Amino acid sequence: MEAVQGAGVVVTGAGGGIGAALARRFAAEGARVVVNDLDADKAKAVAEEIGGIAVPGDASAIVPEARDALGGTVDVYCANAGVGSGGSEAAGESVWALAWDVNVMAHVRAAEALVPEWLERGSGRFVSTVSAAGLLTMIGAAPYSVTKHGAYAFAEWLSLTYRHRGIKVHAICPQGVRTDMLDSTGSAGDLVLKPTAIEPQDVAEALFQGIEEDRFLILPHPEVAGFYQARAGDPDRWLTHMNHLQQKWEAAQ
């Protein structure tokens, strides 16, 4: 794809799952890819596989090192690292803080580091792996749902603020994807996500279709568009439906 061929690309949380699929696809399209993950061994394994560069560590702080690794320029930044924190309002301060830091503030910090140079040259691409939970919600996972709403809102803000100045933003909002994170969702994921779960490479394919069509919102599960419209059109009816799922989940515990 001409839009990414030769581009310097950073993918966070790319040691497995969606991140690894994105890294593989960007590399296959001719991009130069920095593979980031907290797990250094996983980052190095994916980087070696695709001919990329491993830059392990905290996704919030890798932009300077990734920029150096790519020869001074980051063209595409994929804010993919995330945590699937479950629990309710009582999940605990540390759980909420981690979810905010990884799912929202890591995106903010990356944008703070990258946007000035992108504005100066009039181009740049920010890809945010959000979740359908960022458009809708997820039963049994208040920290995840709330912070994914935050991630979506930030991506939306970036797009409306800078699109006339050459910065392109994409928000990927899948439902269930067959990854370790899906496995960690337990019975709630079994009920809501696993029946329609897709493969990580399907998410990468959806992103590249969205890039080609210059779309902000990327829906690897097309049915999410209908759910989103239903939520906006009749919130009480939608909440009643979701509450029925909540009751079904509670009864199965």
Protein backbone atom coordinates (compact mmCIF):
# COMPACT_ATOMS: atom_id res chain seq x y z
CA MET A 1 0.00 0.00 0.00
CA GLU A 2 1.46 3.33 -1.11
CA ALA A 3 0.27 5.14 2.03
CA VAL A 4 2.58 3.09 4.28
CA GLN A 5 5.34 1.82 1.99
CA GLY A 6 8.65 2.94 3.42
CA ALA A 7 6.95 4.62 6.38
CA GLY A 8 8.42 4.50 9.88
CA VAL A 9 5.81 2.72 12.00
CA VAL A 10 5.62 2.12 15.75
CA VAL A 11 3.28 -0.53 17.16
CA THR A 12 2.94 -0.76 20.94
CA GLY A 13 1.85 -3.94 22.68
CA ALA A 14 3.05 -5.83 19.60
CA GLY A 15 4.44 -8.92 21.29
CA GLY A 16 1.25 -10.81 20.44
CA GLY A 17 -2.42 -10.49 19.56
CA ILE A 18 -3.65 -7.48 17.61
CA GLY A 19 -0.35 -5.63 17.96
CA ALA A 20 1.67 -8.45 16.41
CA ALA A 21 -0.87 -8.73 13.59
CA LEU A 22 -0.59 -5.00 12.90
CA ALA A 23 3.21 -5.15 12.94
CA ARG A 24 3.22 -8.08 10.52
CA ARG A 25 0.82 -6.35 8.14
CA PHE A 26 2.70 -3.04 8.13
CA ALA A 27 5.95 -4.89 7.46
CA ALA A 28 4.33 -6.89 4.65
CA GLU A 29 3.25 -3.60 3.07
CA GLY A 30 6.81 -2.32 3.04
CA ALA A 31 6.92 -0.25 6.22
CA ARG A 32 9.86 -0.05 8.62
CA VAL A 33 8.42 -1.27 11.91
CA VAL A 34 9.36 -0.72 15.54
CA VAL A 35 7.91 -3.50 17.69
CA ASN A 36 7.21 -2.46 21.27
CA ASP A 37 6.09 -4.61 24.19
CA LEU A 38 6.69 -4.73 27.92
CA ASP A 39 7.88 -8.31 27.36
CA ALA A 40 11.27 -7.82 25.72
CA ASP A 41 11.51 -11.43 24.51
CA LYS A 42 8.15 -11.23 22.74
CA ALA A 43 9.05 -7.89 21.15
CA LYS A 44 12.35 -9.28 19.88
CA ALA A 45 10.70 -12.43 18.51
CA VAL A 46 8.14 -10.50 16.46
CA ALA A 47 10.77 -7.99 15.30
CA GLU A 48 13.07 -10.79 14.12
CA GLU A 49 10.16 -12.47 12.31
CA ILE A 50 9.22 -9.36 10.31
CA GLY A 51 12.62 -7.71 9.92
CA GLY A 52 11.67 -4.94 12.32
CA ILE A 53 13.33 -3.30 15.30
CA ALA A 54 12.48 -4.26 18.88
CA VAL A 55 12.09 -1.37 21.32
CA PRO A 56 10.74 -2.98 24.51
CA GLY A 57 9.49 -1.05 27.51
CA ASP A 58 6.66 1.15 28.73
CA ALA A 59 4.55 2.30 25.78
CA SER A 60 4.18 5.72 27.39
CA ALA A 61 7.85 6.56 27.04
CA ILE A 62 9.19 4.97 23.87
CA VAL A 63 8.72 7.72 21.28
CA PRO A 64 12.29 9.16 21.53
CA GLU A 65 13.93 5.73 21.29
CA ALA A 66 11.56 4.61 18.52
CA ARG A 67 12.22 7.82 16.58
CA ASP A 68 15.97 7.21 16.80
CA ALA A 69 15.54 3.59 15.73
CA LEU A 70 13.65 4.74 12.62
CA GLY A 71 16.27 7.28 11.65
CA GLY A 72 14.61 10.33 13.16
CA THR A 73 11.01 10.12 11.93
CA VAL A 74 7.86 8.34 13.08
CA ASP A 75 5.22 8.43 10.34
CA VAL A 76 2.63 6.10 11.88
CA TYR A 77 2.05 5.46 15.56
CA CYS A 78 -0.20 2.56 16.59
CA ALA A 79 -1.32 3.05 20.20
CA ASN A 80 -2.25 -0.57 20.67
CA ALA A 81 -1.02 -1.52 24.15
CA GLY A 82 -3.89 -1.90 26.59
CA VAL A 83 -5.09 -3.59 29.75
CA GLY A 84 -8.43 -5.37 30.05
CA SER A 85 -9.20 -4.41 33.63
CA GLY A 86 -12.37 -5.99 34.94
CA GLY A 87 -14.34 -5.16 38.03
CA SER A 88 -16.88 -2.62 39.21
CA GLU A 89 -16.72 0.82 40.81
CA ALA A 90 -15.05 -1.02 43.71
CA ALA A 91 -12.19 -2.40 41.60
CA GLY A 92 -9.66 -0.42 43.61
CA GLU A 93 -7.67 2.73 43.02
CA SER A 94 -4.65 0.90 41.62
CA VAL A 95 -6.76 -0.96 39.03
CA TRP A 96 -8.44 2.24 37.90
CA ALA A 97 -5.13 4.10 37.81
CA LEU A 98 -3.44 1.43 35.66
CA ALA A 99 -6.38 1.36 33.24
CA TRP A 100 -6.28 5.16 32.86
CA ASP A 101 -2.53 5.21 32.44
CA VAL A 102 -2.27 2.47 29.80
CA ASN A 103 -5.57 2.82 27.95
CA VAL A 104 -5.74 6.63 27.83
CA MET A 105 -2.68 8.52 29.07
CA ALA A 106 -0.20 6.47 27.03
CA HIS A 107 -2.06 7.70 23.94
CA VAL A 108 -1.98 11.28 25.19
CA ARG A 109 1.75 11.13 25.91
CA ALA A 110 2.51 9.67 22.49
CA ALA A 111 0.48 12.37 20.77
CA GLU A 112 2.17 15.07 22.82
CA ALA A 113 5.54 13.81 21.60
CA LEU A 114 4.53 13.34 17.96
CA VAL A 115 1.96 15.97 17.00
CA PRO A 116 4.31 18.99 16.92
CA GLU A 117 6.61 17.39 14.33
CA TRP A 118 3.64 16.08 12.34
CA LEU A 119 2.12 19.55 12.24
CA GLU A 120 5.44 21.00 11.14
CA ARG A 121 5.70 18.69 8.16
CA GLY A 122 1.94 18.46 7.50
CA SER A 123 1.56 14.69 7.82
CA GLY A 124 1.31 11.89 10.36
CA ARG A 125 -0.96 8.97 11.21
CA PHE A 126 -2.20 8.00 14.69
CA VAL A 127 -3.89 4.59 15.05
CA SER A 128 -5.72 3.95 18.31
CA THR A 129 -6.75 0.40 19.20
CA VAL A 130 -9.88 1.17 21.20
CA SER A 131 -12.60 -1.50 21.43
CA ALA A 132 -16.30 -1.75 20.77
CA ALA A 133 -16.48 -1.14 24.53
CA GLY A 134 -15.35 2.40 23.75
CA LEU A 135 -18.50 2.93 21.68
CA LEU A 136 -20.81 0.74 23.75
CA THR A 137 -19.72 -0.81 27.07
CA MET A 138 -18.76 -4.19 28.53
CA ILE A 139 -20.50 -5.96 31.36
CA GLY A 140 -18.32 -6.79 34.36
CA ALA A 141 -15.54 -4.39 33.35
CA ALA A 142 -16.06 -0.83 34.54
CA PRO A 143 -12.38 0.30 34.38
CA TYR A 144 -11.99 -1.14 30.89
CA SER A 145 -15.25 0.30 29.58
CA VAL A 146 -14.70 3.77 31.01
CA THR A 147 -11.10 4.10 29.85
CA LYS A 148 -11.85 2.77 26.38
CA HIS A 149 -14.51 5.47 26.11
CA GLY A 150 -11.70 7.85 27.02
CA ALA A 151 -9.39 6.41 24.36
CA TYR A 152 -12.08 6.79 21.73
CA ALA A 153 -12.84 10.35 22.81
CA PHE A 154 -9.16 11.29 22.59
CA ALA A 155 -8.79 9.78 19.11
CA GLU A 156 -11.93 11.62 18.01
CA TRP A 157 -10.57 14.89 19.43
CA LEU A 158 -7.26 14.45 17.63
CA SER A 159 -9.05 13.86 14.35
CA LEU A 160 -11.42 16.81 14.53
CA THR A 161 -8.64 19.12 15.71
CA TYR A 162 -5.89 18.27 13.23
CA ARG A 163 -7.37 16.60 10.15
CA HIS A 164 -7.17 19.84 8.12
CA ARG A 165 -3.45 20.01 8.96
CA GLY A 166 -2.51 16.61 7.55
CA ILE A 167 -2.83 14.34 10.58
CA LYS A 168 -4.91 11.23 9.96
CA VAL A 169 -6.43 9.33 12.88
CA HIS A 170 -8.04 5.89 12.97
CA ALA A 171 -9.94 4.34 15.90
CA ILE A 172 -10.17 0.55 15.74
CA CYS A 173 -13.19 -0.74 17.65
CA PRO A 174 -13.50 -4.55 17.47
CA GLN A 175 -15.61 -6.76 19.69
CA GLY A 176 -14.07 -10.11 20.63
CA VAL A 177 -10.68 -10.93 19.14
CA ARG A 178 -9.00 -14.28 19.80
CA THR A 179 -6.15 -13.08 22.01
CA ASP A 180 -4.90 -13.60 25.55
CA MET A 181 -6.93 -10.55 26.60
CA LEU A 182 -10.13 -12.24 25.45
CA ASP A 183 -9.23 -15.34 27.41
CA SER A 184 -8.78 -13.19 30.52
CA THR A 185 -12.34 -11.81 30.36
CA GLY A 186 -13.75 -15.01 31.85
CA SER A 187 -17.45 -15.78 31.84
CA ALA A 188 -18.44 -12.25 30.72
CA GLY A 189 -16.30 -12.63 27.63
CA ASP A 190 -17.66 -16.12 27.04
CA LEU A 191 -21.19 -14.70 27.04
CA VAL A 192 -20.72 -11.48 25.07
CA LEU A 193 -17.52 -11.70 23.01
CA LYS A 194 -16.47 -15.24 22.15
CA PRO A 195 -19.49 -16.19 20.00
CA THR A 196 -18.47 -13.66 17.32
CA ALA A 197 -14.72 -13.46 18.01
CA ILE A 198 -12.41 -12.93 15.05
CA GLU A 199 -8.68 -13.39 14.48
CA PRO A 200 -6.11 -10.63 15.06
CA GLN A 201 -5.23 -10.59 11.37
CA ASP A 202 -8.87 -9.73 10.61
CA VAL A 203 -8.41 -6.56 12.67
CA ALA A 204 -5.28 -5.67 10.71
CA GLU A 205 -7.14 -6.21 7.45
CA ALA A 206 -9.97 -3.95 8.61
CA LEU A 207 -7.47 -1.22 9.49
CA PHE A 208 -5.84 -1.34 6.07
CA GLN A 209 -9.21 -1.16 4.36
CA GLY A 210 -9.94 1.88 6.52
CA ILE A 211 -6.61 3.49 5.61
CA GLU A 212 -7.30 2.94 1.93
CA GLU A 213 -10.77 4.50 2.30
CA ASP A 214 -9.49 7.26 4.62
CA ARG A 215 -11.98 6.36 7.39
CA PHE A 216 -11.67 7.37 11.05
CA LEU A 217 -13.84 4.64 12.57
CA ILE A 218 -12.66 1.08 11.89
CA LEU A 219 -15.22 -1.63 12.71
CA PRO A 220 -13.82 -5.14 12.24
CA HIS A 221 -17.28 -6.31 13.42
CA PRO A 222 -19.61 -4.35 11.09
CA GLU A 223 -22.62 -5.07 13.31
CA VAL A 224 -21.18 -2.70 15.92
CA ALA A 225 -22.39 0.20 13.75
CA GLY A 226 -25.99 -0.92 14.31
CA PHE A 227 -25.46 -1.33 18.05
CA TYR A 228 -23.92 2.15 18.21
CA GLN A 229 -26.87 3.64 16.34
CA ALA A 230 -29.32 1.84 18.63
CA ARG A 231 -27.51 3.16 21.70
CA ALA A 232 -27.69 6.73 20.41
CA GLY A 233 -31.25 6.48 19.09
CA ASP A 234 -32.89 4.99 22.18
CA PRO A 235 -30.51 4.88 25.17
CA ASP A 236 -33.07 3.45 27.61
CA ARG A 237 -34.00 0.58 25.34
CA TRP A 238 -30.33 -0.17 24.74
CA LEU A 239 -29.54 -0.03 28.48
CA THR A 240 -32.46 -2.35 29.20
CA HIS A 241 -31.07 -4.83 26.69
CA MET A 242 -27.61 -4.60 28.24
CA ASN A 243 -29.09 -5.02 31.71
CA HIS A 244 -30.71 -8.25 30.54
CA LEU A 245 -27.24 -9.46 29.55
CA GLN A 246 -25.98 -8.39 32.97
CA GLN A 247 -28.72 -10.41 34.68
CA LYS A 248 -28.00 -13.42 32.48
CA TRP A 249 -24.33 -13.18 33.39
CA GLU A 250 -25.10 -12.86 37.11
CA ALA A 251 -27.40 -15.89 36.99
CA ALA A 252 -24.61 -17.98 35.45
CA GLN A 253 -22.07 -17.14 38.19
